[in-house]
């Protein structure tokens, strides 16, 4: 009998009776176990702290540390939280049995021991333990998939939501503020487009490490609860809870901008990236996770429009601006669908002859409620909303139609 790693399963036998040690050891060895013995609870604990164990047999009545106390101590050790512990007792009363299970024992064996059945019992306990450990490993894997980002190892949006919600609940009674920082990497798509998604993933993992280190640098010396998560392709969010959340959030944002200003290396090439960051603070900018994230996201997009590699704190005027931007985007989509854009042609004159050398096509949009919309606004809005290809296509098609009509005339 052997474990998956090829070693024999190990059973620790703790008993102050040398004859019982010998008989238990021989029975366990005959069942395919490697045995190690201890004469009292203290010695058993010392052995348990130094090597892996697959089963522990504890005599109830031992000097220094009895079996019940030893069982308690083993269950507090992370490495033996699931290790099967079998109490070997001459006490056949119900109270001793109940006490053994309350202390975390897996099973008990009453003296006198039925030696012909002991080997089968040990193998059965080992199989049950292996199945339990496999089940826990699967549960840990499922938990990791459900709550952590596979690429960076950071919490994902769901775990961030749970931790932020708890921070908000604690802050309402503890007098702290909760700040949420929303970071988006500027123009990260060009990394994937230029070098491939493999390089892009490596870059995101490196970004996560820098952000984590910078966050710990700021919050480590403080009485501050924090969590950093990856919530999208190149989007990261940190939530902090402390008495001066706004000022600390500003410090974190500055540290993030500085740490990401250093180039990333790939095949000897320096790759430069900048972040846009938005900050929202509870309760002024929202009293739940969704409200804080929405307003921090709004501030982040304002930051991105104003200046790359920049941070903005949310204010009420941003909400109005964001709403107007959404409405303008909707109007642009409607204008594209219903052919309400227009093309104006401007002559370009030759310096040498003074005659018209060519024409420049300029996009125009007159909205009924907003009046004339500048070409710069149209282009910026189209790029931000993902309509730029549709706008370009509309311009090319309509310019070609107009030129064709002139030729027909």
Protein backbone atom coordinates (compact mmCIF):
# COMPACT_ATOMS: atom_id res chain seq x y z
CA UNK A 1 0.00 0.00 0.00
CA UNK A 2 1.40 3.41 -0.97
CA UNK A 3 0.30 7.01 -1.38
CA UNK A 4 0.08 8.83 -4.73
CA UNK A 5 3.61 10.18 -4.19
CA UNK A 6 4.97 6.61 -3.82
CA UNK A 7 5.64 6.71 -0.08
CA UNK A 8 4.12 4.42 2.51
CA UNK A 9 1.32 5.98 4.58
CA UNK A 10 2.59 6.98 8.03
CA UNK A 11 0.81 6.26 11.29
CA UNK A 12 1.85 7.97 14.53
CA UNK A 13 1.34 5.80 17.61
CA UNK A 14 1.30 7.73 20.89
CA UNK A 15 1.13 5.48 23.96
CA UNK A 16 3.13 5.36 27.19
CA UNK A 17 2.88 1.56 27.32
CA UNK A 18 5.88 0.10 25.47
CA UNK A 19 4.18 -3.23 24.89
CA UNK A 20 1.13 -1.49 23.39
CA UNK A 21 3.48 0.61 21.21
CA UNK A 22 5.10 -2.58 19.91
CA UNK A 23 1.87 -4.43 19.22
CA UNK A 24 0.21 -1.44 17.49
CA UNK A 25 3.37 -0.87 15.42
CA UNK A 26 3.53 -4.49 14.25
CA UNK A 27 -0.17 -4.51 13.36
CA UNK A 28 0.15 -1.24 11.43
CA UNK A 29 3.31 -2.38 9.64
CA UNK A 30 1.57 -5.60 8.62
CA UNK A 31 -1.19 -3.45 7.10
CA UNK A 32 1.37 -1.59 4.97
CA UNK A 33 1.97 1.47 7.15
CA UNK A 34 5.21 3.09 8.18
CA UNK A 35 5.09 3.64 11.94
CA UNK A 36 6.55 6.25 14.26
CA UNK A 37 6.01 6.13 18.03
CA UNK A 38 5.77 8.62 20.89
CA UNK A 39 5.69 7.92 24.61
CA UNK A 40 3.56 10.93 25.59
CA UNK A 41 1.52 13.80 24.15
CA UNK A 42 4.38 16.28 24.07
CA UNK A 43 6.55 13.93 22.03
CA UNK A 44 3.62 13.24 19.72
CA UNK A 45 3.16 16.96 19.09
CA UNK A 46 6.86 17.40 18.37
CA UNK A 47 6.72 14.61 15.76
CA UNK A 48 3.52 16.01 14.24
CA UNK A 49 5.20 19.37 13.70
CA UNK A 50 8.08 17.87 11.75
CA UNK A 51 6.63 15.35 9.29
CA UNK A 52 3.48 14.45 7.36
CA UNK A 53 1.17 11.95 9.02
CA UNK A 54 -1.68 9.96 7.53
CA UNK A 55 -3.23 8.56 10.74
CA UNK A 56 -2.66 9.31 14.42
CA UNK A 57 -3.40 6.74 17.15
CA UNK A 58 -3.65 8.45 20.58
CA UNK A 59 -3.89 6.70 23.91
CA UNK A 60 -6.31 8.66 26.09
CA UNK A 61 -4.29 8.34 29.31
CA UNK A 62 -0.75 9.60 28.70
CA UNK A 63 1.63 11.65 30.86
CA UNK A 64 2.38 15.35 30.23
CA UNK A 65 -0.33 15.80 27.58
CA UNK A 66 -3.22 13.36 27.54
CA UNK A 67 -4.92 12.11 24.38
CA UNK A 68 -7.80 14.59 24.52
CA UNK A 69 -5.50 17.62 24.87
CA UNK A 70 -3.20 16.24 22.17
CA UNK A 71 -6.21 15.85 19.84
CA UNK A 72 -7.18 19.48 20.51
CA UNK A 73 -3.65 20.67 19.70
CA UNK A 74 -3.42 18.60 16.50
CA UNK A 75 -6.70 19.99 15.18
CA UNK A 76 -5.34 23.51 15.58
CA UNK A 77 -2.39 22.68 13.31
CA UNK A 78 -3.16 23.55 9.70
CA UNK A 79 -1.32 20.52 8.34
CA UNK A 80 -3.31 18.13 10.55
CA UNK A 81 -6.71 19.75 10.38
CA UNK A 82 -7.98 16.78 8.33
CA UNK A 83 -5.61 14.05 9.54
CA UNK A 84 -7.58 11.08 10.94
CA UNK A 85 -7.17 10.86 14.73
CA UNK A 86 -8.15 7.60 16.41
CA UNK A 87 -8.46 7.55 20.21
CA UNK A 88 -7.30 4.32 21.82
CA UNK A 89 -9.03 3.98 25.16
CA UNK A 90 -9.77 1.48 27.84
CA UNK A 91 -12.73 3.61 28.86
CA UNK A 92 -15.81 2.19 27.24
CA UNK A 93 -18.20 4.70 28.73
CA UNK A 94 -20.33 7.03 26.65
CA UNK A 95 -18.85 10.21 28.17
CA UNK A 96 -15.31 9.33 27.07
CA UNK A 97 -16.49 8.47 23.56
CA UNK A 98 -18.46 11.72 23.27
CA UNK A 99 -15.51 13.67 24.63
CA UNK A 100 -13.26 12.12 21.99
CA UNK A 101 -15.54 13.16 19.12
CA UNK A 102 -16.09 16.66 20.56
CA UNK A 103 -12.31 17.15 20.59
CA UNK A 104 -12.18 16.33 16.88
CA UNK A 105 -11.40 12.63 16.90
CA UNK A 106 -12.23 10.68 13.76
CA UNK A 107 -12.81 7.32 15.44
CA UNK A 108 -12.03 5.42 18.63
CA UNK A 109 -10.76 1.94 19.47
CA UNK A 110 -11.57 0.32 22.78
CA UNK A 111 -9.17 -1.92 24.65
CA UNK A 112 -8.79 -4.86 24.54
CA UNK A 113 -8.10 -4.37 20.83
CA UNK A 114 -9.35 -6.84 18.23
CA UNK A 115 -6.01 -7.26 16.47
CA UNK A 116 -7.43 -9.25 13.54
CA UNK A 117 -9.67 -6.31 12.56
CA UNK A 118 -7.21 -3.47 13.25
CA UNK A 119 -5.47 -3.64 9.85
CA UNK A 120 -8.78 -3.50 8.00
CA UNK A 121 -9.91 -0.60 10.17
CA UNK A 122 -6.76 1.41 9.50
CA UNK A 123 -7.07 0.88 5.75
CA UNK A 124 -10.73 1.91 5.85
CA UNK A 125 -9.89 5.06 7.81
CA UNK A 126 -7.10 5.89 5.35
CA UNK A 127 -9.40 5.52 2.33
CA UNK A 128 -11.98 7.75 3.98
CA UNK A 129 -9.31 10.31 4.76
CA UNK A 130 -8.02 10.30 1.17
CA UNK A 131 -11.55 10.78 -0.15
CA UNK A 132 -12.14 13.64 2.28
CA UNK A 133 -8.88 15.35 1.30
CA UNK A 134 -9.75 14.97 -2.39
CA UNK A 135 -13.16 16.50 -1.73
CA UNK A 136 -11.61 19.44 0.10
CA UNK A 137 -9.09 19.91 -2.72
CA UNK A 138 -11.97 20.08 -5.20
CA UNK A 139 -13.81 22.54 -2.99
CA UNK A 140 -10.70 24.73 -2.78
CA UNK A 141 -10.35 24.61 -6.57
CA UNK A 142 -14.01 25.54 -7.06
CA UNK A 143 -13.64 28.36 -4.53
CA UNK A 144 -10.56 29.64 -6.34
CA UNK A 145 -12.32 29.53 -9.71
CA UNK A 146 -15.36 31.29 -8.25
CA UNK A 147 -13.54 34.03 -6.34
CA UNK A 148 -10.10 34.55 -7.87
CA UNK A 149 -8.69 35.66 -11.20
CA UNK A 150 -6.74 32.81 -12.77
CA UNK A 151 -4.22 35.05 -14.55
CA UNK A 152 -3.13 37.33 -11.69
CA UNK A 153 -4.23 35.38 -8.62
CA UNK A 154 -6.08 38.47 -7.41
CA UNK A 155 -9.66 38.39 -6.13
CA UNK A 156 -12.27 38.71 -8.87
CA UNK A 157 -15.33 40.96 -9.02
CA UNK A 158 -17.50 38.62 -6.92
CA UNK A 159 -15.04 38.40 -4.03
CA UNK A 160 -14.41 42.15 -4.31
CA UNK A 161 -18.15 42.74 -4.02
CA UNK A 162 -18.38 40.59 -0.88
CA UNK A 163 -15.37 42.20 0.82
CA UNK A 164 -16.43 45.74 -0.10
CA UNK A 165 -19.96 45.10 1.15
CA UNK A 166 -18.51 43.90 4.45
CA UNK A 167 -16.26 46.99 4.64
CA UNK A 168 -19.27 49.24 4.12
CA UNK A 169 -21.22 47.43 6.84
CA UNK A 170 -18.31 47.68 9.28
CA UNK A 171 -17.65 51.33 8.37
CA UNK A 172 -21.22 52.38 9.13
CA UNK A 173 -20.73 51.40 12.77
CA UNK A 174 -16.99 52.01 13.11
CA UNK A 175 -16.68 55.55 11.80
CA UNK A 176 -14.46 54.71 8.83
CA UNK A 177 -14.81 55.81 5.23
CA UNK A 178 -14.59 53.40 2.31
CA UNK A 179 -12.86 54.48 -0.89
CA UNK A 180 -12.89 52.63 -4.21
CA UNK A 181 -10.20 53.19 -6.85
CA UNK A 182 -11.04 52.12 -10.41
CA UNK A 183 -7.99 51.73 -12.69
CA UNK A 184 -8.02 51.13 -16.44
CA UNK A 185 -4.86 50.74 -18.52
CA UNK A 186 -4.74 53.30 -21.33
CA UNK A 187 -4.58 51.88 -24.85
CA UNK A 188 -3.75 48.39 -23.63
CA UNK A 189 -5.29 46.93 -26.77
CA UNK A 190 -2.23 47.98 -28.75
CA UNK A 191 -0.10 45.59 -26.65
CA UNK A 192 -2.30 42.64 -27.60
CA UNK A 193 -2.51 43.78 -31.21
CA UNK A 194 1.25 44.33 -31.54
CA UNK A 195 2.70 41.44 -29.54
CA UNK A 196 -0.14 38.95 -29.05
CA UNK A 197 -2.36 38.04 -26.13
CA UNK A 198 0.34 35.93 -24.48
CA UNK A 199 2.53 38.99 -24.02
CA UNK A 200 -0.53 40.96 -22.99
CA UNK A 201 -1.33 38.42 -20.28
CA UNK A 202 2.25 38.58 -18.99
CA UNK A 203 1.99 42.35 -18.86
CA UNK A 204 -1.27 42.20 -16.90
CA UNK A 205 0.31 39.81 -14.39
CA UNK A 206 3.26 42.21 -14.02
CA UNK A 207 0.87 45.16 -13.62
CA UNK A 208 -0.99 43.28 -10.89
CA UNK A 209 2.24 42.69 -8.96
CA UNK A 210 3.18 46.35 -9.13
CA UNK A 211 -0.27 47.48 -8.04
CA UNK A 212 -0.28 45.00 -5.15
CA UNK A 213 3.15 46.11 -3.97
CA UNK A 214 2.25 49.80 -4.21
CA UNK A 215 -1.02 49.25 -2.33
CA UNK A 216 0.80 47.37 0.44
CA UNK A 217 3.44 50.11 0.63
CA UNK A 218 0.78 52.74 1.37
CA UNK A 219 -1.63 50.73 3.52
CA UNK A 220 0.85 48.44 5.32
CA UNK A 221 1.85 50.85 8.11
CA UNK A 222 -1.75 52.07 8.57
CA UNK A 223 -4.83 50.79 10.35
CA UNK A 224 -6.44 50.10 7.01
CA UNK A 225 -8.36 47.22 5.45
CA UNK A 226 -7.82 46.82 1.71
CA UNK A 227 -8.52 44.49 -1.20
CA UNK A 228 -7.22 44.60 -4.78
CA UNK A 229 -9.08 42.80 -7.58
CA UNK A 230 -8.94 42.35 -11.32
CA UNK A 231 -12.45 42.95 -12.63
CA UNK A 232 -11.96 42.99 -16.40
CA UNK A 233 -9.41 42.64 -19.17
CA UNK A 234 -7.19 45.54 -18.11
CA UNK A 235 -9.29 46.89 -15.26
CA UNK A 236 -8.33 46.72 -11.59
CA UNK A 237 -10.18 47.94 -8.50
CA UNK A 238 -8.93 48.51 -4.97
CA UNK A 239 -11.20 49.15 -2.01
CA UNK A 240 -9.86 50.54 1.26
CA UNK A 241 -11.52 51.19 4.61
CA UNK A 242 -9.94 53.63 7.04
CA UNK A 243 -10.55 56.86 8.88
CA UNK A 244 -8.97 59.03 6.16
CA UNK A 245 -9.91 57.08 3.06
CA UNK A 246 -9.91 60.00 0.63
CA UNK A 247 -6.35 61.13 1.31
CA UNK A 248 -5.04 57.56 1.38
CA UNK A 249 -6.82 56.79 -1.89
CA UNK A 250 -5.06 59.81 -3.45
CA UNK A 251 -1.72 58.50 -2.20
CA UNK A 252 -2.43 55.05 -3.63
CA UNK A 253 -3.40 56.54 -7.00
CA UNK A 254 -0.17 58.58 -7.10
CA UNK A 255 1.87 55.51 -6.20
CA UNK A 256 0.11 53.49 -8.91
CA UNK A 257 0.76 56.10 -11.57
CA UNK A 258 4.41 56.29 -10.54
CA UNK A 259 5.00 52.54 -10.41
CA UNK A 260 3.40 52.00 -13.83
CA UNK A 261 5.45 54.81 -15.33
CA UNK A 262 8.48 52.53 -15.22
CA UNK A 263 8.80 50.63 -18.52
CA UNK A 264 7.97 46.95 -18.86
CA UNK A 265 10.53 44.88 -20.75
CA UNK A 266 9.77 42.39 -23.54
CA UNK A 267 12.50 40.87 -25.71
CA UNK A 268 14.74 43.85 -25.03
CA UNK A 269 12.00 46.34 -25.88
CA UNK A 270 10.68 48.90 -23.42
CA UNK A 271 6.90 48.91 -23.30
CA UNK A 272 5.25 51.93 -21.73
CA UNK A 273 1.74 52.07 -20.32
CA UNK A 274 -0.25 54.60 -18.36
CA UNK A 275 -3.30 54.14 -16.13
CA UNK A 276 -6.44 56.24 -15.83
CA UNK A 277 -7.88 56.15 -12.31
CA UNK A 278 -11.17 57.20 -10.79
CA UNK A 279 -11.94 57.48 -7.07
CA UNK A 280 -15.29 57.34 -5.28
CA UNK A 281 -15.73 57.53 -1.50
CA UNK A 282 -18.62 56.26 0.61
CA UNK A 283 -20.99 57.49 1.81
CA UNK A 284 -20.78 60.70 -0.27
CA UNK A 285 -20.46 58.94 -3.64
CA UNK A 286 -22.52 55.83 -2.94
CA UNK A 287 -23.49 53.61 -0.05
CA UNK A 288 -23.16 50.23 -1.75
CA UNK A 289 -20.67 48.43 -3.98
CA UNK A 290 -22.51 49.03 -7.26
CA UNK A 291 -22.93 52.75 -6.58
CA UNK A 292 -19.28 53.23 -5.65
CA UNK A 293 -18.04 51.25 -8.67
CA UNK A 294 -20.31 53.14 -11.07
CA UNK A 295 -19.18 56.54 -9.82
CA UNK A 296 -15.51 55.58 -9.67
CA UNK A 297 -15.83 54.28 -13.24
CA UNK A 298 -17.38 57.59 -14.29
CA UNK A 299 -14.48 59.48 -12.71
CA UNK A 300 -12.01 57.15 -14.43
CA UNK A 301 -13.48 57.86 -17.89
CA UNK A 302 -13.41 61.60 -17.20
CA UNK A 303 -9.75 61.18 -16.28
CA UNK A 304 -9.09 59.25 -19.50
CA UNK A 305 -10.72 61.99 -21.61
CA UNK A 306 -8.88 64.79 -19.85
CA UNK A 307 -5.38 63.36 -19.71
CA UNK A 308 -3.86 59.88 -19.86
CA UNK A 309 -1.98 58.72 -16.78
CA UNK A 310 -4.20 60.81 -14.55
CA UNK A 311 -6.57 60.44 -11.60
CA UNK A 312 -9.93 62.09 -10.96
CA UNK A 313 -12.17 62.05 -7.89
CA UNK A 314 -15.88 61.72 -8.52
CA UNK A 315 -18.12 64.78 -8.21
CA UNK A 316 -21.80 65.26 -8.96
CA UNK A 317 -21.14 67.23 -12.14
CA UNK A 318 -19.48 64.13 -13.60
CA UNK A 319 -22.76 62.26 -13.38
CA UNK A 320 -24.50 64.96 -15.38
CA UNK A 321 -21.67 64.98 -17.91
CA UNK A 322 -21.76 61.19 -18.14
CA UNK A 323 -25.52 61.21 -18.67
CA UNK A 324 -25.19 63.83 -21.39
CA UNK A 325 -22.46 61.74 -23.02
CA UNK A 326 -24.70 58.66 -23.02
CA UNK A 327 -27.54 60.67 -24.54
CA UNK A 328 -25.21 62.12 -27.18
CA UNK A 329 -23.96 58.62 -28.04
CA UNK A 330 -27.55 57.47 -28.47
CA UNK A 331 -28.22 60.45 -30.73
CA UNK A 332 -25.14 59.61 -32.83
CA UNK A 333 -26.30 56.03 -33.26
CA UNK A 334 -29.69 57.31 -34.35
CA UNK A 335 -28.07 59.76 -36.77
CA UNK A 336 -26.04 56.95 -38.34
CA UNK A 337 -29.10 54.71 -38.70
CA UNK A 338 -31.24 57.44 -40.23
CA UNK A 339 -28.57 59.07 -42.41
CA UNK A 340 -28.69 62.40 -40.57
CA UNK A 341 -25.00 63.16 -40.82
CA UNK A 342 -23.67 65.34 -43.60
CA UNK A 343 -20.51 65.85 -45.60
CA UNK A 344 -19.16 69.30 -46.45
CA UNK A 345 -16.37 69.75 -48.97
CA UNK A 346 -13.69 72.37 -48.46
CA UNK A 347 -11.48 73.39 -51.37
CA UNK A 348 -7.74 73.16 -50.97
CA UNK A 349 -5.90 75.62 -53.22
CA UNK A 350 -2.54 75.21 -54.85
CA UNK A 351 -0.02 77.73 -53.58
CA UNK A 352 1.65 77.85 -56.99
CA UNK A 353 -1.39 78.31 -59.22
CA UNK A 354 -4.02 79.63 -56.85
CA UNK A 355 -6.47 77.11 -58.26
CA UNK A 356 -8.41 74.41 -56.46
CA UNK A 357 -6.12 71.38 -56.24
CA UNK A 358 -8.37 69.03 -54.29
CA UNK A 359 -11.27 68.85 -51.89
CA UNK A 360 -11.28 67.93 -48.21
CA UNK A 361 -14.35 66.05 -46.95
CA UNK A 362 -15.44 67.25 -43.50
CA UNK A 363 -18.02 65.43 -41.42
CA UNK A 364 -20.87 67.57 -40.13
CA UNK A 365 -23.69 66.78 -37.75
CA UNK A 366 -26.52 69.12 -36.91
CA UNK A 367 -28.61 67.68 -34.08
CA UNK A 368 -32.11 69.06 -33.73
CA UNK A 369 -31.88 69.64 -29.98
CA UNK A 370 -28.15 70.33 -29.61
CA UNK A 371 -27.35 72.25 -32.76
CA UNK A 372 -24.08 71.86 -34.60
CA UNK A 373 -21.76 69.18 -33.16
CA UNK A 374 -18.07 69.73 -33.85
CA UNK A 375 -16.13 67.09 -35.84
CA UNK A 376 -13.70 66.68 -32.94
CA UNK A 377 -16.57 65.81 -30.60
CA UNK A 378 -17.97 63.36 -33.14
CA UNK A 379 -14.64 61.57 -33.57
CA UNK A 380 -13.91 61.43 -29.82
CA UNK A 381 -17.41 60.14 -29.08
CA UNK A 382 -17.20 57.56 -31.88
CA UNK A 383 -13.86 56.25 -30.62
CA UNK A 384 -15.04 56.07 -27.02
CA UNK A 385 -18.30 54.32 -27.89
CA UNK A 386 -16.89 51.90 -30.46
CA UNK A 387 -18.72 53.59 -33.36
CA UNK A 388 -15.61 54.85 -35.12
CA UNK A 389 -15.66 52.12 -37.79
CA UNK A 390 -19.35 52.78 -38.48
CA UNK A 391 -18.67 56.51 -38.79
CA UNK A 392 -15.69 55.91 -41.10
CA UNK A 393 -17.76 53.57 -43.26
CA UNK A 394 -20.57 56.14 -43.49
CA UNK A 395 -18.12 58.86 -44.53
CA UNK A 396 -16.41 56.74 -47.19
CA UNK A 397 -19.70 55.52 -48.69
CA UNK A 398 -21.24 58.98 -48.81
CA UNK A 399 -18.14 60.67 -50.21
CA UNK A 400 -17.99 58.05 -52.96
CA UNK A 401 -21.67 58.58 -53.73
CA UNK A 402 -21.21 62.33 -53.96
CA UNK A 403 -18.16 62.05 -56.22
CA UNK A 404 -19.98 59.54 -58.42
CA UNK A 405 -22.94 61.92 -58.71
CA UNK A 406 -20.62 64.76 -59.76
CA UNK A 407 -19.09 62.56 -62.42
CA UNK A 408 -22.54 61.64 -63.75
CA UNK A 409 -23.40 65.31 -63.98
